[in-house]
C-alpha atoms as a PDB file:
ATOM      1  CA  UNK A   1       7.782  -4.571   9.996  1.00  0.00           C
ATOM      2  CA  UNK A   2      10.703  -6.740   9.883  1.00  0.00           C
ATOM      3  CA  UNK A   3      13.802  -6.263   7.735  1.00  0.00           C
ATOM      4  CA  UNK A   4      17.691  -6.506   7.709  1.00  0.00           C
ATOM      5  CA  UNK A   5      19.996  -4.640   9.827  1.00  0.00           C
ATOM      6  CA  UNK A   6      20.897  -1.564   7.909  1.00  0.00           C
ATOM      7  CA  UNK A   7      23.573  -0.042  10.167  1.00  0.00           C
ATOM      8  CA  UNK A   8      26.626  -2.284   9.903  1.00  0.00           C
ATOM      9  CA  UNK A   9      28.028  -3.176   6.541  1.00  0.00           C
ATOM     10  CA  UNK A  10      28.442  -6.806   7.579  1.00  0.00           C
ATOM     11  CA  UNK A  11      26.376  -9.040   9.858  1.00  0.00           C
ATOM     12  CA  UNK A  12      27.818 -12.315  11.331  1.00  0.00           C
ATOM     13  CA  UNK A  13      26.177 -15.234  13.159  1.00  0.00           C
ATOM     14  CA  UNK A  14      25.941 -19.015  13.631  1.00  0.00           C
ATOM     15  CA  UNK A  15      24.284 -21.071  11.050  1.00  0.00           C
ATOM     16  CA  UNK A  16      21.353 -23.367  11.943  1.00  0.00           C
ATOM     17  CA  UNK A  17      21.477 -26.700  10.465  1.00  0.00           C
ATOM     18  CA  UNK A  18      20.069 -26.985   6.783  1.00  0.00           C
ATOM     19  CA  UNK A  19      20.388 -25.063   3.548  1.00  0.00           C
ATOM     20  CA  UNK A  20      22.954 -22.334   3.205  1.00  0.00           C
ATOM     21  CA  UNK A  21      20.389 -19.975   1.677  1.00  0.00           C
ATOM     22  CA  UNK A  22      17.918 -20.448   4.691  1.00  0.00           C
ATOM     23  CA  UNK A  23      21.023 -20.044   7.125  1.00  0.00           C
ATOM     24  CA  UNK A  24      21.623 -16.559   5.528  1.00  0.00           C
ATOM     25  CA  UNK A  25      18.041 -15.866   6.045  1.00  0.00           C
ATOM     26  CA  UNK A  26      18.249 -16.674   9.638  1.00  0.00           C
ATOM     27  CA  UNK A  27      21.486 -14.706  10.318  1.00  0.00           C
ATOM     28  CA  UNK A  28      20.703 -11.617   8.266  1.00  0.00           C
ATOM     29  CA  UNK A  29      16.869 -11.355   8.721  1.00  0.00           C
ATOM     30  CA  UNK A  30      16.217 -10.902   4.977  1.00  0.00           C
ATOM     31  CA  UNK A  31      14.101 -12.762   2.460  1.00  0.00           C
ATOM     32  CA  UNK A  32      15.171 -15.972   0.859  1.00  0.00           C
ATOM     33  CA  UNK A  33      15.275 -14.333  -2.659  1.00  0.00           C
ATOM     34  CA  UNK A  34      17.418 -11.719  -1.066  1.00  0.00           C
ATOM     35  CA  UNK A  35      19.657 -14.123   0.389  1.00  0.00           C
ATOM     36  CA  UNK A  36      20.097 -16.068  -2.882  1.00  0.00           C
ATOM     37  CA  UNK A  37      21.238 -12.770  -4.704  1.00  0.00           C
ATOM     38  CA  UNK A  38      23.727 -12.198  -1.954  1.00  0.00           C
ATOM     39  CA  UNK A  39      25.116 -15.846  -2.329  1.00  0.00           C
ATOM     40  CA  UNK A  40      25.354 -15.432  -6.051  1.00  0.00           C
ATOM     41  CA  UNK A  41      27.106 -12.043  -5.627  1.00  0.00           C
ATOM     42  CA  UNK A  42      29.592 -13.719  -3.285  1.00  0.00           C
ATOM     43  CA  UNK A  43      28.425 -11.480  -0.456  1.00  0.00           C
ATOM     44  CA  UNK A  44      27.156 -14.186   1.926  1.00  0.00           C
ATOM     45  CA  UNK A  45      29.928 -16.696   3.054  1.00  0.00           C
ATOM     46  CA  UNK A  46      30.387 -19.633   5.276  1.00  0.00           C
ATOM     47  CA  UNK A  47      33.536 -19.892   7.304  1.00  0.00           C
ATOM     48  CA  UNK A  48      35.009 -17.212   4.835  1.00  0.00           C
ATOM     49  CA  UNK A  49      34.199 -19.249   1.715  1.00  0.00           C
ATOM     50  CA  UNK A  50      31.581 -19.290  -0.992  1.00  0.00           C
ATOM     51  CA  UNK A  51      29.041 -21.927  -1.136  1.00  0.00           C
ATOM     52  CA  UNK A  52      25.979 -22.729  -3.094  1.00  0.00           C
ATOM     53  CA  UNK A  53      22.589 -21.642  -1.889  1.00  0.00           C
ATOM     54  CA  UNK A  54      21.518 -25.513  -1.755  1.00  0.00           C
ATOM     55  CA  UNK A  55      24.546 -26.648   0.250  1.00  0.00           C
ATOM     56  CA  UNK A  56      23.809 -28.349   3.461  1.00  0.00           C
ATOM     57  CA  UNK A  57      25.161 -27.004   6.716  1.00  0.00           C
ATOM     58  CA  UNK A  58      25.790 -29.058   9.925  1.00  0.00           C
ATOM     59  CA  UNK A  59      24.999 -25.999  12.121  1.00  0.00           C
ATOM     60  CA  UNK A  60      27.179 -23.759  14.166  1.00  0.00           C
ATOM     61  CA  UNK A  61      29.358 -22.622  11.040  1.00  0.00           C
ATOM     62  CA  UNK A  62      30.290 -19.023  10.933  1.00  0.00           C
ATOM     63  CA  UNK A  63      28.036 -16.896   8.479  1.00  0.00           C
ATOM     64  CA  UNK A  64      29.206 -13.463   7.254  1.00  0.00           C
ATOM     65  CA  UNK A  65      26.728 -11.431   5.106  1.00  0.00           C
ATOM     66  CA  UNK A  66      27.676  -8.182   3.510  1.00  0.00           C
ATOM     67  CA  UNK A  67      24.622  -6.111   3.294  1.00  0.00           C
ATOM     68  CA  UNK A  68      25.838  -3.097   1.402  1.00  0.00           C
ATOM     69  CA  UNK A  69      27.478  -3.553  -1.999  1.00  0.00           C
ATOM     70  CA  UNK A  70      30.307  -1.431  -2.963  1.00  0.00           C
ATOM     71  CA  UNK A  71      29.700   0.677  -6.111  1.00  0.00           C
ATOM     72  CA  UNK A  72      30.146  -0.887  -9.322  1.00  0.00           C
ATOM     73  CA  UNK A  73      32.633   1.138 -11.135  1.00  0.00           C
ATOM     74  CA  UNK A  74      31.706  -0.250 -14.449  1.00  0.00           C
ATOM     75  CA  UNK A  75      28.289   1.536 -14.333  1.00  0.00           C
ATOM     76  CA  UNK A  76      28.686   4.879 -15.938  1.00  0.00           C
ATOM     77  CA  UNK A  77      25.817   7.493 -14.846  1.00  0.00           C
ATOM     78  CA  UNK A  78      23.912   8.732 -17.858  1.00  0.00           C
ATOM     79  CA  UNK A  79      21.645  11.927 -18.094  1.00  0.00           C
ATOM     80  CA  UNK A  80      18.321  10.083 -18.977  1.00  0.00           C
ATOM     81  CA  UNK A  81      15.201  12.090 -18.162  1.00  0.00           C
ATOM     82  CA  UNK A  82      12.841  10.274 -15.929  1.00  0.00           C
ATOM     83  CA  UNK A  83       9.230  11.120 -14.992  1.00  0.00           C
ATOM     84  CA  UNK A  84       8.686  10.939 -11.243  1.00  0.00           C
ATOM     85  CA  UNK A  85       5.362  10.167  -9.502  1.00  0.00           C
ATOM     86  CA  UNK A  86       6.705  10.541  -6.009  1.00  0.00           C
ATOM     87  CA  UNK A  87       9.773  11.467  -4.225  1.00  0.00           C
ATOM     88  CA  UNK A  88      11.023  12.025  -0.713  1.00  0.00           C
ATOM     89  CA  UNK A  89      14.326  11.821   0.993  1.00  0.00           C
ATOM     90  CA  UNK A  90      14.314   7.990   1.182  1.00  0.00           C
ATOM     91  CA  UNK A  91      12.691   6.816  -1.978  1.00  0.00           C
ATOM     92  CA  UNK A  92      11.155   7.850  -5.245  1.00  0.00           C
ATOM     93  CA  UNK A  93       8.573   6.199  -7.673  1.00  0.00           C
ATOM     94  CA  UNK A  94       9.533   6.335 -11.350  1.00  0.00           C
ATOM     95  CA  UNK A  95       6.931   6.237 -14.067  1.00  0.00           C
ATOM     96  CA  UNK A  96       8.969   4.003 -16.411  1.00  0.00           C
ATOM     97  CA  UNK A  97       8.378   4.283 -20.157  1.00  0.00           C
ATOM     98  CA  UNK A  98       8.164   1.279 -22.460  1.00  0.00           C
ATOM     99  CA  UNK A  99      11.480   0.354 -24.142  1.00  0.00           C
ATOM    100  CA  UNK A 100      13.573   1.175 -20.981  1.00  0.00           C
ATOM    101  CA  UNK A 101      15.357  -1.809 -19.593  1.00  0.00           C
ATOM    102  CA  UNK A 102      15.510  -1.694 -15.787  1.00  0.00           C
ATOM    103  CA  UNK A 103      19.115  -2.947 -15.079  1.00  0.00           C
ATOM    104  CA  UNK A 104      22.143  -3.806 -17.233  1.00  0.00           C
ATOM    105  CA  UNK A 105      21.950  -7.327 -18.908  1.00  0.00           C
ATOM    106  CA  UNK A 106      23.371  -8.963 -22.073  1.00  0.00           C
ATOM    107  CA  UNK A 107      22.688  -6.578 -24.771  1.00  0.00           C
ATOM    108  CA  UNK A 108      21.890  -3.791 -22.501  1.00  0.00           C
ATOM    109  CA  UNK A 109      25.085  -2.412 -21.176  1.00  0.00           C
ATOM    110  CA  UNK A 110      24.042   1.154 -21.232  1.00  0.00           C
ATOM    111  CA  UNK A 111      20.817   3.130 -21.508  1.00  0.00           C
ATOM    112  CA  UNK A 112      19.104   1.357 -18.517  1.00  0.00           C
ATOM    113  CA  UNK A 113      17.049   2.689 -15.747  1.00  0.00           C
ATOM    114  CA  UNK A 114      19.954   1.996 -13.478  1.00  0.00           C
ATOM    115  CA  UNK A 115      22.247   4.250 -15.433  1.00  0.00           C
ATOM    116  CA  UNK A 116      19.362   6.934 -15.508  1.00  0.00           C
ATOM    117  CA  UNK A 117      19.062   6.626 -11.698  1.00  0.00           C
ATOM    118  CA  UNK A 118      22.988   6.927 -11.205  1.00  0.00           C
ATOM    119  CA  UNK A 119      22.909  10.049 -13.495  1.00  0.00           C
ATOM    120  CA  UNK A 120      20.069  11.506 -11.289  1.00  0.00           C
ATOM    121  CA  UNK A 121      21.817  10.732  -8.045  1.00  0.00           C
ATOM    122  CA  UNK A 122      25.068  12.241  -9.112  1.00  0.00           C
ATOM    123  CA  UNK A 123      23.166  15.429 -10.164  1.00  0.00           C
ATOM    124  CA  UNK A 124      21.341  15.643  -7.053  1.00  0.00           C
ATOM    125  CA  UNK A 125      24.275  14.545  -4.653  1.00  0.00           C
ATOM    126  CA  UNK A 126      21.861  11.816  -3.202  1.00  0.00           C
ATOM    127  CA  UNK A 127      22.654   8.259  -2.674  1.00  0.00           C
ATOM    128  CA  UNK A 128      20.823   4.907  -3.749  1.00  0.00           C
ATOM    129  CA  UNK A 129      20.294   1.949  -1.676  1.00  0.00           C
ATOM    130  CA  UNK A 130      23.072  -0.491  -2.109  1.00  0.00           C
ATOM    131  CA  UNK A 131      21.950  -3.712  -0.419  1.00  0.00           C
ATOM    132  CA  UNK A 132      20.272  -5.596  -3.374  1.00  0.00           C
ATOM    133  CA  UNK A 133      23.388  -6.143  -5.498  1.00  0.00           C
ATOM    134  CA  UNK A 134      26.103  -4.714  -7.632  1.00  0.00           C
ATOM    135  CA  UNK A 135      24.053  -3.943 -10.602  1.00  0.00           C
ATOM    136  CA  UNK A 136      20.930  -2.985  -8.669  1.00  0.00           C
ATOM    137  CA  UNK A 137      21.464   0.389  -6.910  1.00  0.00           C
ATOM    138  CA  UNK A 138      18.102   1.382  -5.426  1.00  0.00           C
ATOM    139  CA  UNK A 139      16.221  -1.309  -7.280  1.00  0.00           C
ATOM    140  CA  UNK A 140      13.691  -3.563  -5.338  1.00  0.00           C
ATOM    141  CA  UNK A 141      11.734  -4.978  -8.177  1.00  0.00           C
ATOM    142  CA  UNK A 142      11.544  -4.771 -11.941  1.00  0.00           C
ATOM    143  CA  UNK A 143       9.308  -4.274 -14.929  1.00  0.00           C
ATOM    144  CA  UNK A 144       9.832  -5.901 -18.230  1.00  0.00           C
ATOM    145  CA  UNK A 145      11.409  -3.752 -20.965  1.00  0.00           C
ATOM    146  CA  UNK A 146       8.047  -3.182 -22.729  1.00  0.00           C
ATOM    147  CA  UNK A 147       5.926  -2.899 -19.729  1.00  0.00           C
ATOM    148  CA  UNK A 148       5.376   0.712 -18.553  1.00  0.00           C
ATOM    149  CA  UNK A 149       4.450   2.272 -15.277  1.00  0.00           C
ATOM    150  CA  UNK A 150       5.426   2.585 -11.548  1.00  0.00           C
ATOM    151  CA  UNK A 151       8.475   1.145 -10.325  1.00  0.00           C
ATOM    152  CA  UNK A 152       9.937   1.799  -6.693  1.00  0.00           C
ATOM    153  CA  UNK A 153      13.483   3.066  -6.119  1.00  0.00           C
ATOM    154  CA  UNK A 154      15.211   3.364  -2.721  1.00  0.00           C
ATOM    155  CA  UNK A 155      17.764   6.043  -2.040  1.00  0.00           C
ATOM    156  CA  UNK A 156      18.977   4.561   1.322  1.00  0.00           C
ATOM    157  CA  UNK A 157      19.774   1.110   2.525  1.00  0.00           C
ATOM    158  CA  UNK A 158      17.124   1.523   5.233  1.00  0.00           C
ATOM    159  CA  UNK A 159      14.429   2.306   2.600  1.00  0.00           C
ATOM    160  CA  UNK A 160      15.655  -0.507   0.382  1.00  0.00           C
ATOM    161  CA  UNK A 161      15.622  -2.932   3.211  1.00  0.00           C
ATOM    162  CA  UNK A 162      12.074  -1.813   4.056  1.00  0.00           C
ATOM    163  CA  UNK A 163      10.822  -2.095   0.557  1.00  0.00           C
ATOM    164  CA  UNK A 164      12.217  -5.501   0.118  1.00  0.00           C
ATOM    165  CA  UNK A 165      10.778  -6.696   3.316  1.00  0.00           C
ATOM    166  CA  UNK A 166       7.407  -5.473   2.245  1.00  0.00           C
ATOM    167  CA  UNK A 167       7.710  -7.331  -1.072  1.00  0.00           C
ATOM    168  CA  UNK A 168       8.843 -10.324   0.970  1.00  0.00           C
ATOM    169  CA  UNK A 169       5.619 -10.254   2.995  1.00  0.00           C
ATOM    170  CA  UNK A 170       3.416  -9.529   0.125  1.00  0.00           C
ATOM    171  CA  UNK A 171       2.286  -6.201   1.578  1.00  0.00           C
ATOM    172  CA  UNK A 172       2.849  -3.978  -1.263  1.00  0.00           C
ATOM    173  CA  UNK A 173      -0.426  -3.563  -3.390  1.00  0.00           C
ATOM    174  CA  UNK A 174       0.190  -3.650  -7.130  1.00  0.00           C
ATOM    175  CA  UNK A 175      -2.443  -2.966  -9.834  1.00  0.00           C
ATOM    176  CA  UNK A 176      -1.842  -3.477 -13.465  1.00  0.00           C
ATOM    177  CA  UNK A 177      -3.933  -2.740 -16.534  1.00  0.00           C
ATOM    178  CA  UNK A 178      -3.987  -5.039 -19.370  1.00  0.00           C
ATOM    179  CA  UNK A 179      -6.036  -5.303 -22.640  1.00  0.00           C
ATOM    180  CA  UNK A 180      -6.462  -8.856 -23.517  1.00  0.00           C
ATOM    181  CA  UNK A 181      -7.917 -10.650 -26.562  1.00  0.00           C
ATOM    182  CA  UNK A 182     -11.218 -12.657 -25.656  1.00  0.00           C
ATOM    183  CA  UNK A 183     -13.700 -12.539 -22.884  1.00  0.00           C
ATOM    184  CA  UNK A 184     -12.918 -13.144 -19.313  1.00  0.00           C
ATOM    185  CA  UNK A 185     -14.582 -16.337 -17.846  1.00  0.00           C
ATOM    186  CA  UNK A 186     -15.923 -14.064 -15.037  1.00  0.00           C
ATOM    187  CA  UNK A 187     -16.115 -10.440 -13.807  1.00  0.00           C
ATOM    188  CA  UNK A 188     -13.688 -11.254 -11.161  1.00  0.00           C
ATOM    189  CA  UNK A 189     -11.457 -14.186 -10.673  1.00  0.00           C
ATOM    190  CA  UNK A 190      -8.259 -15.534  -9.311  1.00  0.00           C
ATOM    191  CA  UNK A 191      -5.536 -17.585 -11.079  1.00  0.00           C
ATOM    192  CA  UNK A 192      -3.472 -20.068  -8.970  1.00  0.00           C
ATOM    193  CA  UNK A 193      -1.044 -21.895 -11.090  1.00  0.00           C
ATOM    194  CA  UNK A 194       2.610 -22.638 -10.826  1.00  0.00           C
ATOM    195  CA  UNK A 195       5.024 -20.700 -13.249  1.00  0.00           C
ATOM    196  CA  UNK A 196       8.353 -22.022 -14.710  1.00  0.00           C
ATOM    197  CA  UNK A 197      10.230 -21.927 -18.009  1.00  0.00           C
ATOM    198  CA  UNK A 198       8.252 -22.851 -21.033  1.00  0.00           C
ATOM    199  CA  UNK A 199       9.917 -26.285 -22.007  1.00  0.00           C
ATOM    200  CA  UNK A 200       9.023 -25.452 -25.690  1.00  0.00           C
ATOM    201  CA  UNK A 201      10.609 -21.883 -25.706  1.00  0.00           C
ATOM    202  CA  UNK A 202      13.039 -20.992 -22.870  1.00  0.00           C
ATOM    203  CA  UNK A 203      12.524 -17.251 -23.507  1.00  0.00           C
ATOM    204  CA  UNK A 204       8.944 -17.707 -22.324  1.00  0.00           C
ATOM    205  CA  UNK A 205       7.528 -18.417 -18.871  1.00  0.00           C
ATOM    206  CA  UNK A 206       4.393 -20.713 -18.799  1.00  0.00           C
ATOM    207  CA  UNK A 207       2.157 -22.556 -16.358  1.00  0.00           C
ATOM    208  CA  UNK A 208       4.043 -25.786 -15.809  1.00  0.00           C
ATOM    209  CA  UNK A 209       3.998 -28.747 -13.261  1.00  0.00           C
ATOM    210  CA  UNK A 210       6.717 -28.173 -10.743  1.00  0.00           C
ATOM    211  CA  UNK A 211       6.808 -24.435 -11.228  1.00  0.00           C
ATOM    212  CA  UNK A 212       6.880 -21.944  -8.538  1.00  0.00           C
ATOM    213  CA  UNK A 213       3.620 -21.084  -6.884  1.00  0.00           C
ATOM    214  CA  UNK A 214       1.904 -18.063  -8.487  1.00  0.00           C
ATOM    215  CA  UNK A 215      -1.323 -16.243  -7.908  1.00  0.00           C
ATOM    216  CA  UNK A 216      -2.959 -13.428  -9.843  1.00  0.00           C
ATOM    217  CA  UNK A 217      -6.455 -11.760  -9.252  1.00  0.00           C
ATOM    218  CA  UNK A 218      -8.252  -9.977 -12.106  1.00  0.00           C
ATOM    219  CA  UNK A 219     -11.281  -7.795 -12.525  1.00  0.00           C
ATOM    220  CA  UNK A 220     -12.914  -6.942 -15.882  1.00  0.00           C
ATOM    221  CA  UNK A 221     -13.341  -3.088 -16.206  1.00  0.00           C
ATOM    222  CA  UNK A 222     -14.660  -3.206 -19.818  1.00  0.00           C
ATOM    223  CA  UNK A 223     -15.257  -5.467 -22.852  1.00  0.00           C
ATOM    224  CA  UNK A 224     -16.446  -5.559 -26.334  1.00  0.00           C
ATOM    225  CA  UNK A 225     -15.269  -6.107 -30.032  1.00  0.00           C
ATOM    226  CA  UNK A 226     -13.175  -9.150 -29.035  1.00  0.00           C
ATOM    227  CA  UNK A 227     -11.285  -7.299 -26.269  1.00  0.00           C
ATOM    228  CA  UNK A 228     -11.550  -7.164 -22.462  1.00  0.00           C
ATOM    229  CA  UNK A 229      -9.700  -4.330 -20.256  1.00  0.00           C
ATOM    230  CA  UNK A 230      -8.552  -6.121 -17.051  1.00  0.00           C
ATOM    231  CA  UNK A 231      -7.271  -4.713 -13.645  1.00  0.00           C
ATOM    232  CA  UNK A 232      -4.863  -7.273 -12.448  1.00  0.00           C
ATOM    233  CA  UNK A 233      -3.209  -7.723  -9.002  1.00  0.00           C
ATOM    234  CA  UNK A 234      -0.318 -10.226  -8.846  1.00  0.00           C
ATOM    235  CA  UNK A 235      -0.047 -11.637  -5.354  1.00  0.00           C
ATOM    236  CA  UNK A 236       3.370 -13.201  -5.945  1.00  0.00           C
ATOM    237  CA  UNK A 237       6.243 -11.760  -8.161  1.00  0.00           C
ATOM    238  CA  UNK A 238       7.151 -14.369 -10.704  1.00  0.00           C
ATOM    239  CA  UNK A 239       8.943 -13.444 -14.117  1.00  0.00           C
ATOM    240  CA  UNK A 240       6.344 -12.619 -16.670  1.00  0.00           C
ATOM    241  CA  UNK A 241       3.793 -13.593 -14.155  1.00  0.00           C
ATOM    242  CA  UNK A 242       0.718 -11.757 -15.677  1.00  0.00           C
ATOM    243  CA  UNK A 243       1.810 -12.521 -19.076  1.00  0.00           C
ATOM    244  CA  UNK A 244       1.990 -16.231 -18.500  1.00  0.00           C
ATOM    245  CA  UNK A 245      -1.425 -16.453 -16.415  1.00  0.00           C
ATOM    246  CA  UNK A 246      -3.273 -14.617 -19.085  1.00  0.00           C
ATOM    247  CA  UNK A 247      -1.806 -16.771 -21.864  1.00  0.00           C
ATOM    248  CA  UNK A 248      -2.920 -19.753 -19.647  1.00  0.00           C
ATOM    249  CA  UNK A 249      -6.425 -18.384 -19.517  1.00  0.00           C
ATOM    250  CA  UNK A 250      -6.280 -18.083 -23.339  1.00  0.00           C
ATOM    251  CA  UNK A 251      -6.541 -14.343 -22.718  1.00  0.00           C
ATOM    252  CA  UNK A 252      -3.255 -13.109 -24.288  1.00  0.00           C
ATOM    253  CA  UNK A 253      -2.290  -9.531 -23.898  1.00  0.00           C
ATOM    254  CA  UNK A 254      -2.791  -7.250 -27.006  1.00  0.00           C
ATOM    255  CA  UNK A 255       0.441  -6.404 -28.660  1.00  0.00           C
ATOM    256  CA  UNK A 256       2.279  -9.241 -26.823  1.00  0.00           C
ATOM    257  CA  UNK A 257       3.855 -11.007 -29.656  1.00  0.00           C
ATOM    258  CA  UNK A 258       5.816 -13.534 -27.551  1.00  0.00           C
ATOM    259  CA  UNK A 259       2.783 -14.670 -25.633  1.00  0.00           C
ATOM    260  CA  UNK A 260       0.369 -14.970 -28.540  1.00  0.00           C
ATOM    261  CA  UNK A 261      -1.445 -11.632 -28.450  1.00  0.00           C
ATOM    262  CA  UNK A 262      -0.418 -10.443 -31.876  1.00  0.00           C
ATOM    263  CA  UNK A 263      -0.626  -6.761 -33.057  1.00  0.00           C
ATOM    264  CA  UNK A 264      -3.005  -4.924 -30.926  1.00  0.00           C
ATOM    265  CA  UNK A 265      -5.805  -2.447 -31.804  1.00  0.00           C
ATOM    266  CA  UNK A 266      -4.528   0.555 -33.565  1.00  0.00           C
ATOM    267  CA  UNK A 267      -1.447  -1.231 -34.691  1.00  0.00           C
ATOM    268  CA  UNK A 268       0.098  -1.615 -31.152  1.00  0.00           C
ATOM    269  CA  UNK A 269       3.204  -3.534 -31.135  1.00  0.00           C
ATOM    270  CA  UNK A 270       4.116  -3.921 -27.494  1.00  0.00           C
ATOM    271  CA  UNK A 271       2.262  -5.505 -24.744  1.00  0.00           C
ATOM    272  CA  UNK A 272      -0.786  -3.596 -23.213  1.00  0.00           C
ATOM    273  CA  UNK A 273       0.424  -4.017 -19.695  1.00  0.00           C
ATOM    274  CA  UNK A 274       0.804  -0.918 -17.503  1.00  0.00           C
ATOM    275  CA  UNK A 275       1.701  -0.656 -13.775  1.00  0.00           C
ATOM    276  CA  UNK A 276      -0.934   1.761 -12.989  1.00  0.00           C
ATOM    277  CA  UNK A 277      -1.191   1.793  -9.070  1.00  0.00           C
ATOM    278  CA  UNK A 278       0.953   1.062  -6.010  1.00  0.00           C
ATOM    279  CA  UNK A 279      -0.026   1.072  -2.386  1.00  0.00           C
ATOM    280  CA  UNK A 280       2.718   0.597   0.417  1.00  0.00           C
ATOM    281  CA  UNK A 281       3.970   1.798   3.826  1.00  0.00           C
ATOM    282  CA  UNK A 282       6.365   4.781   3.333  1.00  0.00           C
ATOM    283  CA  UNK A 283       9.854   3.630   4.558  1.00  0.00           C
ATOM    284  CA  UNK A 284      10.315   7.344   5.889  1.00  0.00           C
ATOM    285  CA  UNK A 285       7.725   7.002   8.617  1.00  0.00           C
ATOM    286  CA  UNK A 286       5.284   4.051   7.857  1.00  0.00           C
ATOM    287  CA  UNK A 287       2.629   6.247   6.498  1.00  0.00           C
ATOM    288  CA  UNK A 288       0.369   4.783   3.776  1.00  0.00           C
ATOM    289  CA  UNK A 289       1.587   5.891   0.221  1.00  0.00           C
ATOM    290  CA  UNK A 290      -0.784   5.503  -2.860  1.00  0.00           C
ATOM    291  CA  UNK A 291       0.700   6.213  -6.220  1.00  0.00           C
ATOM    292  CA  UNK A 292      -0.959   6.175  -9.725  1.00  0.00           C
ATOM    293  CA  UNK A 293      -0.053   6.433 -13.393  1.00  0.00           C
ATOM    294  CA  UNK A 294      -2.230   7.118 -16.277  1.00  0.00           C
ATOM    295  CA  UNK A 295      -2.177   5.035 -19.545  1.00  0.00           C
ATOM    296  CA  UNK A 296       0.757   6.302 -21.690  1.00  0.00           C
ATOM    297  CA  UNK A 297      -0.457   7.710 -25.168  1.00  0.00           C
ATOM    298  CA  UNK A 298       0.078   4.501 -27.009  1.00  0.00           C
ATOM    299  CA  UNK A 299      -1.945   2.558 -24.815  1.00  0.00           C
ATOM    300  CA  UNK A 300      -4.583   5.107 -24.389  1.00  0.00           C
ATOM    301  CA  UNK A 301      -4.796   5.146 -28.349  1.00  0.00           C
ATOM    302  CA  UNK A 302      -5.126   1.397 -28.577  1.00  0.00           C
ATOM    303  CA  UNK A 303      -7.817   1.380 -25.911  1.00  0.00           C
ATOM    304  CA  UNK A 304      -9.648   3.974 -27.934  1.00  0.00           C
ATOM    305  CA  UNK A 305      -9.208   2.053 -31.098  1.00  0.00           C
ATOM    306  CA  UNK A 306     -10.742  -0.949 -29.391  1.00  0.00           C
ATOM    307  CA  UNK A 307     -13.592   1.204 -28.458  1.00  0.00           C
ATOM    308  CA  UNK A 308     -13.296   0.665 -24.598  1.00  0.00           C
ATOM    309  CA  UNK A 309     -13.037   2.780 -21.681  1.00  0.00           C
ATOM    310  CA  UNK A 310     -13.497   2.654 -18.074  1.00  0.00           C
ATOM    311  CA  UNK A 311     -13.924   5.117 -14.994  1.00  0.00           C
ATOM    312  CA  UNK A 312     -11.250   3.223 -13.179  1.00  0.00           C
ATOM    313  CA  UNK A 313      -8.624   4.440 -15.330  1.00  0.00           C
ATOM    314  CA  UNK A 314      -5.920   6.762 -13.434  1.00  0.00           C
ATOM    315  CA  UNK A 315      -5.749  10.436 -14.444  1.00  0.00           C
ATOM    316  CA  UNK A 316      -2.307  11.956 -14.388  1.00  0.00           C
ATOM    317  CA  UNK A 317       0.769  10.770 -12.565  1.00  0.00           C
ATOM    318  CA  UNK A 318       1.193  11.367  -8.959  1.00  0.00           C
ATOM    319  CA  UNK A 319       0.819  10.031  -5.274  1.00  0.00           C
ATOM    320  CA  UNK A 320      -0.865  10.867  -2.060  1.00  0.00           C
ATOM    321  CA  UNK A 321       0.311  10.361   1.499  1.00  0.00           C
ATOM    322  CA  UNK A 322      -2.323  10.173   4.196  1.00  0.00           C
ATOM    323  CA  UNK A 323      -4.514  12.593   2.251  1.00  0.00           C
ATOM    324  CA  UNK A 324      -1.640  15.058   1.011  1.00  0.00           C
ATOM    325  CA  UNK A 325      -1.628  14.846  -2.757  1.00  0.00           C
ATOM    326  CA  UNK A 326       1.712  15.276  -4.745  1.00  0.00           C
ATOM    327  CA  UNK A 327       1.442  15.562  -8.576  1.00  0.00           C
ATOM    328  CA  UNK A 328       4.866  15.478 -10.299  1.00  0.00           C
ATOM    329  CA  UNK A 329       6.073  15.540 -13.861  1.00  0.00           C
ATOM    330  CA  UNK A 330       9.071  14.513 -15.729  1.00  0.00           C
ATOM    331  CA  UNK A 331      12.395  16.088 -14.777  1.00  0.00           C
END
């Protein structure tokens, strides 16, 4: 598995001709998305100067890439309890509740998962990965505020590099559960449709011409009473991908007000979308790691109100590594 160097804080090299972001990819051995974040943070420079990701280079320029970000002193650790599905010396998997924002943003300066992770790291004396950006200690992906479920967190730069590389080559298996309004067009299917900003509502994503490629596989687990329970596997990682693809299929997620789902069964007022399973190569040793998270009480109640069930639903919260099962609860 390839990934960026994780020993030296900074790597340098000569740029190939072409776009600046692609030169950073070549020099640092990282994904394009990661390179663009470093450029935006001012941690990737050409001849010691900042440049735009799209700037063209002649070739031969000196590229410097700072892989490890210094701590953001504006982020204050907070004591926010977290439920943990799995943990080792290099990473952990958080079972994120709905309502918890992943990292600081406009309107969310405190009380985020990042603040909780910093508080937990301070209490345990352990670090968090530092290569993804100033406001992303340990973070390698995100879930929407009102989406619950499993989220990977790196404790070390090496683990963060490994996890980011796995996301980059799409080798991490993710399965979400969603309750949608309507009947799926088939018991199994795949949506391949480009996603970009909805021109009619800039706070939504939609299937649009010229959007970024996106693919989602789905499987119907149960249906009836105007609802269908789906298992979904996003093969790409676009913002609001599952929500936008399901709206495109005219199967809006129950409780998803922004994408047309309306109030869900039992009065559910947040999207019935749960990150239920993850499969990946453990950064510690490459062993196969499988994690799962059961539906939280509000989604379980909504599913019961819809009169649906499935034997495929996860039971409990935990993980297994090559057959060794680890069940962990909130700390």
